[in-house]
Amino acid sequence: MFANLNEEEQREYVYRQGREEGREEGMEKGMEKGMEKGIFDTLVNLVKDKLLDIAEAAKRVNMTTDEFITAAGLKLQ
């Protein structure tokens, strides 16, 4: 099919293919980020509700306790 297209049509085809691949990749990355944020937010809420300790929550997202506290905006009492 590609061989039957003139040069301008070939450029348009390649452009559209690249755009579609970029869109799909962007959606996949967005889903991954959204899931990561959802997991993080859930852990923060569990810590705030005192159902999970900070060290365990941090471990589950591969952070140090200090990194987790900072990223979560927690204030220790």
C-alpha atoms as a PDB file:
ATOM      1  CA  MET A   1       0.000   0.000   0.000  1.00  0.00           C
ATOM      2  CA  PHE A   2       2.756   2.462   0.945  1.00  0.00           C
ATOM      3  CA  ALA A   3       4.419   2.051  -2.461  1.00  0.00           C
ATOM      4  CA  ASN A   4       1.215   3.138  -4.209  1.00  0.00           C
ATOM      5  CA  LEU A   5       1.279   6.540  -2.488  1.00  0.00           C
ATOM      6  CA  ASN A   6       2.950   9.640  -3.876  1.00  0.00           C
ATOM      7  CA  GLU A   7       5.621  11.401  -1.812  1.00  0.00           C
ATOM      8  CA  GLU A   8       3.216  13.795  -0.102  1.00  0.00           C
ATOM      9  CA  GLU A   9       0.812  10.971   0.756  1.00  0.00           C
ATOM     10  CA  GLN A  10       3.703   8.930   2.142  1.00  0.00           C
ATOM     11  CA  ARG A  11       4.749  11.828   4.396  1.00  0.00           C
ATOM     12  CA  GLU A  12       1.165  12.239   5.581  1.00  0.00           C
ATOM     13  CA  TYR A  13       0.897   8.492   6.248  1.00  0.00           C
ATOM     14  CA  VAL A  14       4.147   8.445   8.243  1.00  0.00           C
ATOM     15  CA  TYR A  15       3.058  11.567  10.150  1.00  0.00           C
ATOM     16  CA  ARG A  16      -0.283  10.009  11.075  1.00  0.00           C
ATOM     17  CA  GLN A  17       1.353   6.727  12.112  1.00  0.00           C
ATOM     18  CA  GLY A  18       3.861   8.562  14.301  1.00  0.00           C
ATOM     19  CA  ARG A  19       1.136  10.660  15.818  1.00  0.00           C
ATOM     20  CA  GLU A  20      -0.986   7.603  16.623  1.00  0.00           C
ATOM     21  CA  GLU A  21       1.987   5.785  18.169  1.00  0.00           C
ATOM     22  CA  GLY A  22       2.793   8.891  20.227  1.00  0.00           C
ATOM     23  CA  ARG A  23      -0.805   9.130  21.404  1.00  0.00           C
ATOM     24  CA  GLU A  24      -0.833   5.468  22.456  1.00  0.00           C
ATOM     25  CA  GLU A  25       2.486   5.823  24.270  1.00  0.00           C
ATOM     26  CA  GLY A  26       1.260   8.955  26.032  1.00  0.00           C
ATOM     27  CA  MET A  27      -1.899   7.214  27.160  1.00  0.00           C
ATOM     28  CA  GLU A  28       0.091   4.250  28.503  1.00  0.00           C
ATOM     29  CA  LYS A  29       2.450   6.521  30.429  1.00  0.00           C
ATOM     30  CA  GLY A  30      -0.471   8.536  31.748  1.00  0.00           C
ATOM     31  CA  MET A  31      -2.166   5.376  32.989  1.00  0.00           C
ATOM     32  CA  GLU A  32       1.045   4.239  34.698  1.00  0.00           C
ATOM     33  CA  LYS A  33       1.516   7.610  36.390  1.00  0.00           C
ATOM     34  CA  GLY A  34      -2.112   7.685  37.453  1.00  0.00           C
ATOM     35  CA  MET A  35      -1.850   4.234  38.985  1.00  0.00           C
ATOM     36  CA  GLU A  36       1.365   5.166  40.805  1.00  0.00           C
ATOM     37  CA  LYS A  37      -0.278   8.304  42.179  1.00  0.00           C
ATOM     38  CA  GLY A  38      -3.328   6.330  43.242  1.00  0.00           C
ATOM     39  CA  ILE A  39      -1.193   3.816  45.115  1.00  0.00           C
ATOM     40  CA  PHE A  40       0.804   6.599  46.755  1.00  0.00           C
ATOM     41  CA  ASP A  41      -2.340   8.495  47.771  1.00  0.00           C
ATOM     42  CA  THR A  42      -3.830   5.315  49.225  1.00  0.00           C
ATOM     43  CA  LEU A  43      -0.696   4.699  51.290  1.00  0.00           C
ATOM     44  CA  VAL A  44      -0.734   8.297  52.535  1.00  0.00           C
ATOM     45  CA  ASN A  45      -4.355   7.917  53.607  1.00  0.00           C
ATOM     46  CA  LEU A  46      -3.583   4.634  55.386  1.00  0.00           C
ATOM     47  CA  VAL A  47      -0.753   6.354  57.253  1.00  0.00           C
ATOM     48  CA  LYS A  48      -2.973   9.311  58.167  1.00  0.00           C
ATOM     49  CA  ASP A  49      -5.646   6.904  59.436  1.00  0.00           C
ATOM     50  CA  LYS A  50      -2.939   5.110  61.462  1.00  0.00           C
ATOM     51  CA  LEU A  51      -3.626   1.828  59.684  1.00  0.00           C
ATOM     52  CA  LEU A  52      -0.098   1.630  58.258  1.00  0.00           C
ATOM     53  CA  ASP A  53       3.132   2.959  59.676  1.00  0.00           C
ATOM     54  CA  ILE A  54       5.233   5.413  57.700  1.00  0.00           C
ATOM     55  CA  ALA A  55       8.226   3.106  57.341  1.00  0.00           C
ATOM     56  CA  GLU A  56       6.119   0.357  55.756  1.00  0.00           C
ATOM     57  CA  ALA A  57       4.365   2.799  53.436  1.00  0.00           C
ATOM     58  CA  ALA A  58       7.722   4.218  52.335  1.00  0.00           C
ATOM     59  CA  LYS A  59       9.084   0.730  51.707  1.00  0.00           C
ATOM     60  CA  ARG A  60       6.124  -0.083  49.439  1.00  0.00           C
ATOM     61  CA  VAL A  61       6.970   2.839  47.136  1.00  0.00           C
ATOM     62  CA  ASN A  62      10.758   2.372  47.326  1.00  0.00           C
ATOM     63  CA  MET A  63      11.369   5.554  49.323  1.00  0.00           C
ATOM     64  CA  THR A  64      13.109   6.312  52.537  1.00  0.00           C
ATOM     65  CA  THR A  65      10.888   7.321  55.433  1.00  0.00           C
ATOM     66  CA  ASP A  66      12.066  10.929  55.108  1.00  0.00           C
ATOM     67  CA  GLU A  67      11.378  10.961  51.362  1.00  0.00           C
ATOM     68  CA  PHE A  68       7.876   9.603  51.942  1.00  0.00           C
ATOM     69  CA  ILE A  69       7.131  12.166  54.648  1.00  0.00           C
ATOM     70  CA  THR A  70       8.279  15.001  52.391  1.00  0.00           C
ATOM     71  CA  ALA A  71       6.470  13.739  49.266  1.00  0.00           C
ATOM     72  CA  ALA A  72       3.273  13.157  51.255  1.00  0.00           C
ATOM     73  CA  GLY A  73       3.473  16.519  52.979  1.00  0.00           C
ATOM     74  CA  LEU A  74       3.047  14.849  56.354  1.00  0.00           C
ATOM     75  CA  LYS A  75       3.637  16.730  59.551  1.00  0.00           C
ATOM     76  CA  LEU A  76       4.823  14.524  62.385  1.00  0.00           C
ATOM     77  CA  GLN A  77       3.420  15.181  65.819  1.00  0.00           C
END
